[in-house]
Amino acid sequence: MRIAIVDESAARAAVIAEGLHDAGLSDVTIFVDRRGIAARLEALSPDVVLINLANPHRDELEELFALSKAMARPVAMFVDQSDVAGIEAAIDAGVSAYVVDGLKKERIRPILELAIRRFRAYSRLRTELDEARSALAERKAIDEAKALLMKKRGIDEPAAYAALRKAAMDSGRRIGDVADAIVTANRLMGDL
């Protein structure tokens, strides 16, 4: 597992790295300078990112939250102090573990594992939500296309669905794509 540590303090980063090494994780890269961090992290492509901030300022948090949101991998953040707004912002940004005053080397491995599990659970939920939204949009397009066919051809719902299915099979496309094309054409052409 490739792990990136982002910390402006080399001494604090060393504590995290030591905790990781003690846990048997040796592929660790430390970034002390945050300038250009997004590009450097992208080039490294770590499996997990651990961010440590002593006394985070709002601008630092916003920058790192934006980074977390864009990375699409587990991120654990260690801070010495926080407030409700900081925690909410971290959660909204997709930080998998937000640990306040918890930088002890023996805690690093469990926090890392928690961050990975939470990230995977969140990713599964996000995928399920996207699939449900897509299915709902497709169902809506199919229903709208059936209604258009029923009105235009004067047929019932089973016949309209059969026509959609036949058009999909004949064109080698999904029925949702055919339905979407009919709905889009109707909007472009006005009421048919």
N, C-alpha and C. Protein backbone atom coordinates (compact mmCIF):
# COMPACT_ATOMS: atom_id res chain seq x y z
N MET A 1 0.85 -1.17 0.00
CA MET A 1 0.00 0.00 0.00
C MET A 1 0.90 1.24 0.00
N ARG A 2 0.64 2.14 -0.95
CA ARG A 2 1.41 3.38 -1.07
C ARG A 2 0.69 4.47 -0.26
N ILE A 3 1.42 5.09 0.66
CA ILE A 3 0.83 6.09 1.55
C ILE A 3 1.58 7.40 1.41
N ALA A 4 0.82 8.49 1.32
CA ALA A 4 1.40 9.83 1.28
C ALA A 4 1.07 10.53 2.59
N ILE A 5 2.06 11.19 3.16
CA ILE A 5 1.87 11.99 4.36
C ILE A 5 2.10 13.44 3.97
N VAL A 6 1.13 14.30 4.28
CA VAL A 6 1.25 15.73 4.01
C VAL A 6 1.31 16.42 5.36
N ASP A 7 2.46 17.03 5.66
CA ASP A 7 2.64 17.70 6.95
C ASP A 7 3.78 18.70 6.82
N GLU A 8 3.55 19.93 7.21
CA GLU A 8 4.60 20.94 7.12
C GLU A 8 5.68 20.76 8.18
N SER A 9 5.42 19.93 9.16
CA SER A 9 6.40 19.65 10.20
C SER A 9 7.02 18.28 9.96
N ALA A 10 8.29 18.27 9.66
CA ALA A 10 8.99 17.00 9.41
C ALA A 10 8.97 16.12 10.65
N ALA A 11 9.00 16.72 11.84
CA ALA A 11 8.99 15.93 13.09
C ALA A 11 7.66 15.22 13.27
N ARG A 12 6.54 15.93 13.03
CA ARG A 12 5.22 15.30 13.14
C ARG A 12 5.06 14.23 12.07
N ALA A 13 5.51 14.51 10.86
CA ALA A 13 5.42 13.53 9.77
C ALA A 13 6.21 12.28 10.12
N ALA A 14 7.32 12.45 10.80
CA ALA A 14 8.14 11.30 11.19
C ALA A 14 7.40 10.42 12.18
N VAL A 15 6.59 11.01 13.06
CA VAL A 15 5.80 10.23 14.01
C VAL A 15 4.80 9.35 13.25
N ILE A 16 4.14 9.93 12.26
CA ILE A 16 3.18 9.16 11.45
C ILE A 16 3.92 8.06 10.69
N ALA A 17 5.02 8.42 10.05
CA ALA A 17 5.79 7.43 9.27
C ALA A 17 6.28 6.30 10.16
N GLU A 18 6.71 6.62 11.39
CA GLU A 18 7.18 5.59 12.32
C GLU A 18 6.03 4.66 12.69
N GLY A 19 4.85 5.23 12.93
CA GLY A 19 3.68 4.40 13.23
C GLY A 19 3.33 3.48 12.07
N LEU A 20 3.48 3.96 10.85
CA LEU A 20 3.21 3.14 9.67
C LEU A 20 4.26 2.04 9.53
N HIS A 21 5.52 2.39 9.72
CA HIS A 21 6.59 1.40 9.62
C HIS A 21 6.41 0.32 10.69
N ASP A 22 6.05 0.73 11.91
CA ASP A 22 5.81 -0.24 12.99
C ASP A 22 4.66 -1.19 12.64
N ALA A 23 3.72 -0.70 11.83
CA ALA A 23 2.58 -1.52 11.42
C ALA A 23 2.89 -2.34 10.17
N GLY A 24 4.13 -2.28 9.69
CA GLY A 24 4.53 -3.08 8.54
C GLY A 24 4.29 -2.40 7.20
N LEU A 25 4.04 -1.11 7.21
CA LEU A 25 3.80 -0.37 5.97
C LEU A 25 5.02 0.49 5.66
N SER A 26 5.69 0.18 4.57
CA SER A 26 6.95 0.86 4.31
C SER A 26 6.94 1.76 3.08
N ASP A 27 5.94 1.67 2.23
CA ASP A 27 5.89 2.51 1.03
C ASP A 27 5.24 3.85 1.39
N VAL A 28 6.04 4.70 2.04
CA VAL A 28 5.55 5.97 2.59
C VAL A 28 6.34 7.12 1.99
N THR A 29 5.62 8.13 1.52
CA THR A 29 6.25 9.34 0.99
C THR A 29 5.76 10.52 1.81
N ILE A 30 6.69 11.36 2.23
CA ILE A 30 6.35 12.53 3.05
C ILE A 30 6.47 13.79 2.21
N PHE A 31 5.43 14.62 2.28
CA PHE A 31 5.44 15.92 1.61
C PHE A 31 5.40 16.99 2.69
N VAL A 32 6.52 17.70 2.85
CA VAL A 32 6.58 18.76 3.86
C VAL A 32 6.13 20.08 3.25
N ASP A 33 6.41 20.28 2.00
CA ASP A 33 6.02 21.51 1.30
C ASP A 33 4.72 21.26 0.56
N ARG A 34 3.70 22.08 0.84
CA ARG A 34 2.39 21.87 0.22
C ARG A 34 2.25 22.57 -1.13
N ARG A 35 3.22 23.34 -1.53
CA ARG A 35 3.12 24.00 -2.84
C ARG A 35 3.09 22.95 -3.94
N GLY A 36 2.10 23.04 -4.80
CA GLY A 36 1.97 22.10 -5.90
C GLY A 36 1.63 20.69 -5.45
N ILE A 37 1.04 20.58 -4.28
CA ILE A 37 0.79 19.26 -3.69
C ILE A 37 -0.16 18.42 -4.54
N ALA A 38 -1.14 19.04 -5.15
CA ALA A 38 -2.11 18.28 -5.95
C ALA A 38 -1.41 17.54 -7.08
N ALA A 39 -0.55 18.21 -7.80
CA ALA A 39 0.17 17.58 -8.92
C ALA A 39 1.12 16.51 -8.42
N ARG A 40 1.80 16.77 -7.31
CA ARG A 40 2.74 15.78 -6.79
C ARG A 40 2.02 14.54 -6.27
N LEU A 41 0.87 14.73 -5.64
CA LEU A 41 0.09 13.57 -5.18
C LEU A 41 -0.46 12.78 -6.36
N GLU A 42 -0.90 13.50 -7.37
CA GLU A 42 -1.41 12.81 -8.56
C GLU A 42 -0.30 11.97 -9.21
N ALA A 43 0.90 12.52 -9.27
CA ALA A 43 2.02 11.79 -9.86
C ALA A 43 2.38 10.55 -9.02
N LEU A 44 2.31 10.68 -7.70
CA LEU A 44 2.62 9.56 -6.82
C LEU A 44 1.51 8.51 -6.85
N SER A 45 0.28 8.97 -6.97
CA SER A 45 -0.90 8.10 -6.96
C SER A 45 -0.95 7.19 -5.74
N PRO A 46 -0.99 7.80 -4.55
CA PRO A 46 -1.01 6.98 -3.33
C PRO A 46 -2.36 6.29 -3.15
N ASP A 47 -2.35 5.21 -2.39
CA ASP A 47 -3.60 4.51 -2.06
C ASP A 47 -4.34 5.24 -0.95
N VAL A 48 -3.59 5.88 -0.06
CA VAL A 48 -4.16 6.60 1.08
C VAL A 48 -3.33 7.86 1.29
N VAL A 49 -4.02 8.95 1.73
CA VAL A 49 -3.32 10.19 2.05
C VAL A 49 -3.61 10.52 3.51
N LEU A 50 -2.54 10.79 4.25
CA LEU A 50 -2.65 11.22 5.64
C LEU A 50 -2.20 12.67 5.72
N ILE A 51 -3.07 13.53 6.21
CA ILE A 51 -2.77 14.96 6.29
C ILE A 51 -2.73 15.34 7.77
N ASN A 52 -1.67 16.04 8.17
CA ASN A 52 -1.54 16.46 9.55
C ASN A 52 -1.39 17.97 9.61
N LEU A 53 -2.27 18.60 10.36
CA LEU A 53 -2.22 20.05 10.56
C LEU A 53 -2.25 20.33 12.05
N ALA A 54 -1.33 21.14 12.53
CA ALA A 54 -1.31 21.45 13.96
C ALA A 54 -2.50 22.35 14.31
N ASN A 55 -2.49 23.54 13.83
CA ASN A 55 -3.56 24.50 14.09
C ASN A 55 -4.08 25.01 12.75
N PRO A 56 -5.00 24.27 12.16
CA PRO A 56 -5.42 24.60 10.80
C PRO A 56 -6.15 25.94 10.71
N HIS A 57 -5.77 26.69 9.69
CA HIS A 57 -6.46 27.93 9.38
C HIS A 57 -7.50 27.63 8.33
N ARG A 58 -8.48 28.48 8.23
CA ARG A 58 -9.59 28.24 7.30
C ARG A 58 -9.10 28.05 5.87
N ASP A 59 -8.15 28.87 5.44
CA ASP A 59 -7.64 28.77 4.07
C ASP A 59 -6.94 27.43 3.84
N GLU A 60 -6.16 26.99 4.83
CA GLU A 60 -5.48 25.69 4.73
C GLU A 60 -6.50 24.57 4.61
N LEU A 61 -7.52 24.62 5.47
CA LEU A 61 -8.54 23.59 5.44
C LEU A 61 -9.26 23.56 4.11
N GLU A 62 -9.65 24.73 3.61
CA GLU A 62 -10.36 24.77 2.33
C GLU A 62 -9.51 24.20 1.20
N GLU A 63 -8.22 24.53 1.20
CA GLU A 63 -7.31 24.01 0.17
C GLU A 63 -7.22 22.48 0.26
N LEU A 64 -7.05 21.97 1.47
CA LEU A 64 -6.90 20.53 1.63
C LEU A 64 -8.23 19.80 1.43
N PHE A 65 -9.35 20.43 1.77
CA PHE A 65 -10.64 19.81 1.52
C PHE A 65 -10.90 19.71 0.02
N ALA A 66 -10.53 20.74 -0.72
CA ALA A 66 -10.67 20.70 -2.18
C ALA A 66 -9.80 19.58 -2.76
N LEU A 67 -8.61 19.44 -2.23
CA LEU A 67 -7.72 18.37 -2.65
C LEU A 67 -8.33 17.01 -2.35
N SER A 68 -8.87 16.86 -1.15
CA SER A 68 -9.50 15.60 -0.74
C SER A 68 -10.65 15.24 -1.66
N LYS A 69 -11.47 16.22 -1.99
CA LYS A 69 -12.63 15.98 -2.84
C LYS A 69 -12.21 15.52 -4.23
N ALA A 70 -11.13 16.08 -4.73
CA ALA A 70 -10.68 15.77 -6.09
C ALA A 70 -9.92 14.45 -6.19
N MET A 71 -9.39 13.96 -5.08
CA MET A 71 -8.49 12.80 -5.14
C MET A 71 -9.19 11.46 -5.30
N ALA A 72 -10.37 11.29 -4.79
CA ALA A 72 -11.11 10.03 -4.87
C ALA A 72 -10.31 8.85 -4.31
N ARG A 73 -9.76 9.06 -3.13
CA ARG A 73 -9.10 7.98 -2.38
C ARG A 73 -9.20 8.32 -0.90
N PRO A 74 -8.96 7.33 -0.05
CA PRO A 74 -9.10 7.57 1.39
C PRO A 74 -8.15 8.66 1.88
N VAL A 75 -8.70 9.57 2.69
CA VAL A 75 -7.92 10.64 3.28
C VAL A 75 -8.21 10.68 4.77
N ALA A 76 -7.16 10.61 5.57
CA ALA A 76 -7.30 10.79 7.02
C ALA A 76 -6.61 12.10 7.37
N MET A 77 -7.29 12.90 8.17
CA MET A 77 -6.76 14.20 8.54
C MET A 77 -6.59 14.27 10.05
N PHE A 78 -5.41 14.69 10.50
CA PHE A 78 -5.12 14.86 11.91
C PHE A 78 -5.00 16.36 12.19
N VAL A 79 -5.72 16.84 13.18
CA VAL A 79 -5.64 18.24 13.58
C VAL A 79 -5.52 18.29 15.10
N ASP A 80 -4.86 19.34 15.60
CA ASP A 80 -4.73 19.49 17.05
C ASP A 80 -5.98 20.10 17.66
N GLN A 81 -6.68 20.92 16.89
CA GLN A 81 -7.91 21.52 17.38
C GLN A 81 -8.87 21.70 16.23
N SER A 82 -10.16 21.72 16.55
CA SER A 82 -11.15 21.84 15.50
C SER A 82 -12.43 22.41 16.07
N ASP A 83 -13.34 22.69 15.18
CA ASP A 83 -14.67 23.14 15.58
C ASP A 83 -15.70 22.41 14.74
N VAL A 84 -16.95 22.60 15.04
CA VAL A 84 -18.02 21.89 14.34
C VAL A 84 -17.98 22.18 12.84
N ALA A 85 -17.75 23.44 12.49
CA ALA A 85 -17.70 23.81 11.06
C ALA A 85 -16.57 23.10 10.34
N GLY A 86 -15.42 22.96 10.99
CA GLY A 86 -14.28 22.26 10.39
C GLY A 86 -14.58 20.80 10.17
N ILE A 87 -15.23 20.18 11.14
CA ILE A 87 -15.58 18.77 11.01
C ILE A 87 -16.59 18.57 9.89
N GLU A 88 -17.61 19.43 9.85
CA GLU A 88 -18.62 19.32 8.78
C GLU A 88 -18.00 19.53 7.41
N ALA A 89 -17.11 20.50 7.31
CA ALA A 89 -16.45 20.75 6.03
C ALA A 89 -15.61 19.55 5.61
N ALA A 90 -14.94 18.92 6.57
CA ALA A 90 -14.12 17.74 6.27
C ALA A 90 -14.99 16.60 5.76
N ILE A 91 -16.11 16.37 6.41
CA ILE A 91 -17.01 15.31 5.99
C ILE A 91 -17.56 15.59 4.60
N ASP A 92 -17.97 16.85 4.36
CA ASP A 92 -18.49 17.22 3.04
C ASP A 92 -17.44 17.05 1.95
N ALA A 93 -16.18 17.25 2.31
CA ALA A 93 -15.10 17.14 1.34
C ALA A 93 -14.69 15.69 1.09
N GLY A 94 -15.24 14.76 1.87
CA GLY A 94 -14.93 13.36 1.66
C GLY A 94 -13.77 12.84 2.47
N VAL A 95 -13.35 13.60 3.49
CA VAL A 95 -12.30 13.11 4.38
C VAL A 95 -12.86 11.88 5.10
N SER A 96 -12.14 10.79 5.03
CA SER A 96 -12.62 9.52 5.58
C SER A 96 -12.45 9.43 7.09
N ALA A 97 -11.42 10.05 7.62
CA ALA A 97 -11.21 10.05 9.07
C ALA A 97 -10.67 11.43 9.45
N TYR A 98 -11.31 12.05 10.41
CA TYR A 98 -10.93 13.38 10.88
C TYR A 98 -10.63 13.24 12.37
N VAL A 99 -9.36 13.26 12.71
CA VAL A 99 -8.94 12.94 14.08
C VAL A 99 -8.42 14.21 14.75
N VAL A 100 -9.07 14.57 15.86
CA VAL A 100 -8.67 15.75 16.62
C VAL A 100 -7.80 15.30 17.79
N ASP A 101 -6.61 15.88 17.88
CA ASP A 101 -5.68 15.61 18.98
C ASP A 101 -5.44 14.12 19.16
N GLY A 102 -5.17 13.43 18.06
CA GLY A 102 -5.00 11.99 18.15
C GLY A 102 -3.75 11.47 17.50
N LEU A 103 -2.71 12.28 17.43
CA LEU A 103 -1.49 11.87 16.74
C LEU A 103 -0.57 11.10 17.68
N LYS A 104 -0.80 9.82 17.75
CA LYS A 104 0.06 8.91 18.51
C LYS A 104 0.40 7.77 17.56
N LYS A 105 1.66 7.39 17.51
CA LYS A 105 2.08 6.43 16.48
C LYS A 105 1.34 5.10 16.56
N GLU A 106 0.95 4.68 17.76
CA GLU A 106 0.24 3.40 17.88
C GLU A 106 -1.20 3.49 17.38
N ARG A 107 -1.71 4.67 17.19
CA ARG A 107 -3.07 4.84 16.69
C ARG A 107 -3.13 4.97 15.17
N ILE A 108 -1.99 5.12 14.53
CA ILE A 108 -1.95 5.39 13.09
C ILE A 108 -2.59 4.26 12.29
N ARG A 109 -2.19 3.02 12.55
CA ARG A 109 -2.71 1.88 11.77
C ARG A 109 -4.23 1.75 11.89
N PRO A 110 -4.82 1.77 13.10
CA PRO A 110 -6.28 1.67 13.19
C PRO A 110 -7.00 2.84 12.49
N ILE A 111 -6.43 4.01 12.56
CA ILE A 111 -7.04 5.16 11.89
C ILE A 111 -6.95 4.99 10.38
N LEU A 112 -5.82 4.50 9.91
CA LEU A 112 -5.64 4.23 8.48
C LEU A 112 -6.67 3.21 7.99
N GLU A 113 -6.83 2.13 8.74
CA GLU A 113 -7.81 1.10 8.37
C GLU A 113 -9.23 1.65 8.39
N LEU A 114 -9.54 2.48 9.38
CA LEU A 114 -10.86 3.11 9.44
C LEU A 114 -11.09 3.99 8.22
N ALA A 115 -10.10 4.78 7.87
CA ALA A 115 -10.23 5.68 6.71
C ALA A 115 -10.50 4.87 5.43
N ILE A 116 -9.79 3.77 5.27
CA ILE A 116 -9.97 2.93 4.07
C ILE A 116 -11.37 2.33 4.06
N ARG A 117 -11.81 1.79 5.19
CA ARG A 117 -13.15 1.18 5.26
C ARG A 117 -14.24 2.21 5.02
N ARG A 118 -14.12 3.37 5.64
CA ARG A 118 -15.14 4.41 5.45
C ARG A 118 -15.16 4.89 4.01
N PHE A 119 -13.99 5.02 3.40
CA PHE A 119 -13.92 5.44 2.01
C PHE A 119 -14.61 4.43 1.11
N ARG A 120 -14.34 3.15 1.34
CA ARG A 120 -14.97 2.10 0.51
C ARG A 120 -16.48 2.10 0.71
N ALA A 121 -16.93 2.23 1.95
CA ALA A 121 -18.37 2.25 2.22
C ALA A 121 -19.01 3.46 1.55
N TYR A 122 -18.37 4.61 1.65
CA TYR A 122 -18.89 5.83 1.03
C TYR A 122 -18.91 5.67 -0.49
N SER A 123 -17.87 5.08 -1.05
CA SER A 123 -17.80 4.88 -2.50
C SER A 123 -18.92 3.96 -2.98
N ARG A 124 -19.17 2.88 -2.22
CA ARG A 124 -20.27 1.98 -2.58
C ARG A 124 -21.61 2.71 -2.55
N LEU A 125 -21.83 3.50 -1.50
CA LEU A 125 -23.07 4.26 -1.41
C LEU A 125 -23.20 5.25 -2.56
N ARG A 126 -22.10 5.90 -2.90
CA ARG A 126 -22.11 6.88 -3.99
C ARG A 126 -22.43 6.18 -5.31
N THR A 127 -21.85 5.02 -5.53
CA THR A 127 -22.11 4.25 -6.76
C THR A 127 -23.57 3.83 -6.82
N GLU A 128 -24.09 3.31 -5.70
CA GLU A 128 -25.49 2.91 -5.65
C GLU A 128 -26.42 4.09 -5.91
N LEU A 129 -26.09 5.24 -5.33
CA LEU A 129 -26.91 6.44 -5.55
C LEU A 129 -26.87 6.85 -7.02
N ASP A 130 -25.70 6.85 -7.62
CA ASP A 130 -25.58 7.21 -9.03
C ASP A 130 -26.36 6.24 -9.92
N GLU A 131 -26.27 4.94 -9.60
CA GLU A 131 -27.01 3.94 -10.38
C GLU A 131 -28.52 4.13 -10.21
N ALA A 132 -28.97 4.43 -9.01
CA ALA A 132 -30.40 4.64 -8.77
C ALA A 132 -30.89 5.88 -9.52
N ARG A 133 -30.09 6.94 -9.49
CA ARG A 133 -30.47 8.16 -10.23
C ARG A 133 -30.53 7.90 -11.73
N SER A 134 -29.57 7.14 -12.23
CA SER A 134 -29.54 6.82 -13.64
C SER A 134 -30.75 5.97 -14.04
N ALA A 135 -31.05 4.98 -13.21
CA ALA A 135 -32.21 4.12 -13.49
C ALA A 135 -33.50 4.92 -13.45
N LEU A 136 -33.60 5.83 -12.50
CA LEU A 136 -34.80 6.66 -12.40
C LEU A 136 -34.94 7.58 -13.61
N ALA A 137 -33.84 8.17 -14.04
CA ALA A 137 -33.87 9.03 -15.22
C ALA A 137 -34.24 8.23 -16.47
N GLU A 138 -33.69 7.01 -16.57
CA GLU A 138 -34.01 6.16 -17.71
C GLU A 138 -35.49 5.77 -17.69
N ARG A 139 -35.99 5.42 -16.52
CA ARG A 139 -37.40 5.04 -16.37
C ARG A 139 -38.31 6.21 -16.76
N LYS A 140 -37.91 7.41 -16.34
CA LYS A 140 -38.69 8.61 -16.68
C LYS A 140 -38.70 8.83 -18.19
N ALA A 141 -37.54 8.67 -18.84
CA ALA A 141 -37.46 8.85 -20.29
C ALA A 141 -38.31 7.80 -21.01
N ILE A 142 -38.28 6.55 -20.52
CA ILE A 142 -39.08 5.49 -21.15
C ILE A 142 -40.57 5.80 -21.01
N ASP A 143 -40.97 6.22 -19.81
CA ASP A 143 -42.39 6.56 -19.61
C ASP A 143 -42.83 7.72 -20.48
N GLU A 144 -41.95 8.73 -20.60
CA GLU A 144 -42.29 9.88 -21.44
C GLU A 144 -42.34 9.48 -22.92
N ALA A 145 -41.41 8.64 -23.36
CA ALA A 145 -41.40 8.18 -24.75
C ALA A 145 -42.64 7.33 -25.05
N LYS A 146 -43.01 6.46 -24.10
CA LYS A 146 -44.23 5.66 -24.29
C LYS A 146 -45.44 6.56 -24.42
N ALA A 147 -45.53 7.59 -23.58
CA ALA A 147 -46.67 8.52 -23.65
C ALA A 147 -46.71 9.23 -25.00
N LEU A 148 -45.55 9.62 -25.50
CA LEU A 148 -45.50 10.27 -26.81
C LEU A 148 -45.96 9.32 -27.92
N LEU A 149 -45.47 8.07 -27.89
CA LEU A 149 -45.87 7.09 -28.89
C LEU A 149 -47.37 6.78 -28.80
N MET A 150 -47.88 6.67 -27.59
CA MET A 150 -49.30 6.38 -27.40
C MET A 150 -50.15 7.51 -28.01
N LYS A 151 -49.73 8.75 -27.78
CA LYS A 151 -50.46 9.90 -28.29
C LYS A 151 -50.34 9.99 -29.82
N LYS A 152 -49.11 9.86 -30.31
CA LYS A 152 -48.85 10.02 -31.74
C LYS A 152 -49.48 8.89 -32.57
N ARG A 153 -49.35 7.65 -32.10
CA ARG A 153 -49.83 6.51 -32.88
C ARG A 153 -51.20 6.01 -32.45
N GLY A 154 -51.69 6.51 -31.34
CA GLY A 154 -53.00 6.06 -30.86
C GLY A 154 -52.97 4.61 -30.40
N ILE A 155 -51.88 4.22 -29.73
CA ILE A 155 -51.74 2.83 -29.27
C ILE A 155 -51.75 2.80 -27.74
N ASP A 156 -51.87 1.58 -27.21
CA ASP A 156 -51.87 1.45 -25.75
C ASP A 156 -50.43 1.33 -25.23
N GLU A 157 -50.28 1.30 -23.91
CA GLU A 157 -48.95 1.28 -23.29
C GLU A 157 -48.13 0.05 -23.66
N PRO A 158 -48.69 -1.18 -23.61
CA PRO A 158 -47.88 -2.34 -24.01
C PRO A 158 -47.38 -2.25 -25.45
N ALA A 159 -48.20 -1.73 -26.34
CA ALA A 159 -47.78 -1.59 -27.74
C ALA A 159 -46.68 -0.54 -27.86
N ALA A 160 -46.80 0.55 -27.09
CA ALA A 160 -45.77 1.60 -27.12
C ALA A 160 -44.43 1.05 -26.61
N TYR A 161 -44.49 0.26 -25.55
CA TYR A 161 -43.27 -0.33 -25.01
C TYR A 161 -42.66 -1.32 -26.01
N ALA A 162 -43.52 -2.10 -26.65
CA ALA A 162 -43.04 -3.05 -27.66
C ALA A 162 -42.36 -2.32 -28.81
N ALA A 163 -42.92 -1.17 -29.21
CA ALA A 163 -42.31 -0.38 -30.28
C ALA A 163 -40.94 0.15 -29.86
N LEU A 164 -40.84 0.60 -28.61
CA LEU A 164 -39.55 1.07 -28.10
C LEU A 164 -38.53 -0.07 -28.07
N ARG A 165 -38.96 -1.22 -27.58
CA ARG A 165 -38.08 -2.38 -27.48
C ARG A 165 -37.60 -2.81 -28.87
N LYS A 166 -38.52 -2.83 -29.85
CA LYS A 166 -38.16 -3.23 -31.22
C LYS A 166 -37.16 -2.24 -31.82
N ALA A 167 -37.42 -0.94 -31.61
CA ALA A 167 -36.49 0.07 -32.14
C ALA A 167 -35.11 -0.08 -31.51
N ALA A 168 -35.07 -0.40 -30.21
CA ALA A 168 -33.79 -0.60 -29.53
C ALA A 168 -33.06 -1.81 -30.10
N MET A 169 -33.78 -2.90 -30.29
CA MET A 169 -33.17 -4.12 -30.82
C MET A 169 -32.69 -3.90 -32.25
N ASP A 170 -33.51 -3.24 -33.06
CA ASP A 170 -33.15 -3.01 -34.46
C ASP A 170 -31.90 -2.13 -34.59
N SER A 171 -31.75 -1.19 -33.67
CA SER A 171 -30.61 -0.26 -33.76
C SER A 171 -29.42 -0.69 -32.91
N GLY A 172 -29.59 -1.78 -32.14
CA GLY A 172 -28.49 -2.25 -31.29
C GLY A 172 -28.19 -1.30 -30.14
N ARG A 173 -29.20 -0.60 -29.68
CA ARG A 173 -29.03 0.36 -28.58
C ARG A 173 -29.89 -0.07 -27.40
N ARG A 174 -29.62 0.53 -26.27
CA ARG A 174 -30.43 0.27 -25.09
C ARG A 174 -31.77 0.98 -25.23
N ILE A 175 -32.80 0.41 -24.63
CA ILE A 175 -34.14 0.98 -24.73
C ILE A 175 -34.19 2.38 -24.12
N GLY A 176 -33.42 2.59 -23.06
CA GLY A 176 -33.36 3.91 -22.44
C GLY A 176 -32.78 4.96 -23.38
N ASP A 177 -31.78 4.55 -24.17
CA ASP A 177 -31.18 5.48 -25.13
C ASP A 177 -32.16 5.84 -26.25
N VAL A 178 -32.91 4.84 -26.72
CA VAL A 178 -33.93 5.09 -27.75
C VAL A 178 -35.00 6.01 -27.19
N ALA A 179 -35.45 5.73 -25.98
CA ALA A 179 -36.47 6.57 -25.35
C ALA A 179 -35.97 7.99 -25.19
N ASP A 180 -34.73 8.15 -24.77
CA ASP A 180 -34.16 9.48 -24.60
C ASP A 180 -34.09 10.22 -25.93
N ALA A 181 -33.76 9.49 -27.00
CA ALA A 181 -33.71 10.11 -28.34
C ALA A 181 -35.10 10.59 -28.77
N ILE A 182 -36.12 9.80 -28.49
CA ILE A 182 -37.49 10.19 -28.85
C ILE A 182 -37.91 11.43 -28.08
N VAL A 183 -37.63 11.45 -26.79
CA VAL A 183 -37.99 12.59 -25.95
C VAL A 183 -37.24 13.85 -26.41
N THR A 184 -35.95 13.69 -26.70
CA THR A 184 -35.15 14.83 -27.15
C THR A 184 -35.66 15.34 -28.50
N ALA A 185 -35.95 14.44 -29.41
CA ALA A 185 -36.48 14.85 -30.73
C ALA A 185 -37.81 15.58 -30.56
N ASN A 186 -38.65 15.09 -29.68
CA ASN A 186 -39.93 15.75 -29.44
C ASN A 186 -39.74 17.17 -28.92
N ARG A 187 -38.78 17.34 -28.02
CA ARG A 187 -38.53 18.69 -27.48
C ARG A 187 -37.98 19.61 -28.55
N LEU A 188 -37.15 19.08 -29.44
CA LEU A 188 -36.58 19.90 -30.51
C LEU A 188 -37.63 20.26 -31.55
N MET A 189 -38.51 19.32 -31.85
CA MET A 189 -39.49 19.53 -32.90
C MET A 189 -40.77 20.18 -32.39
N GLY A 190 -40.92 20.28 -31.10
CA GLY A 190 -42.17 20.79 -30.55
C GLY A 190 -43.14 19.64 -30.45
N ASP A 191 -44.36 19.91 -30.08
CA ASP A 191 -45.36 18.84 -29.93
C ASP A 191 -45.58 18.14 -31.26
N LEU A 192 -45.36 16.85 -31.25
CA LEU A 192 -45.58 16.04 -32.47
C LEU A 192 -46.94 15.43 -32.43
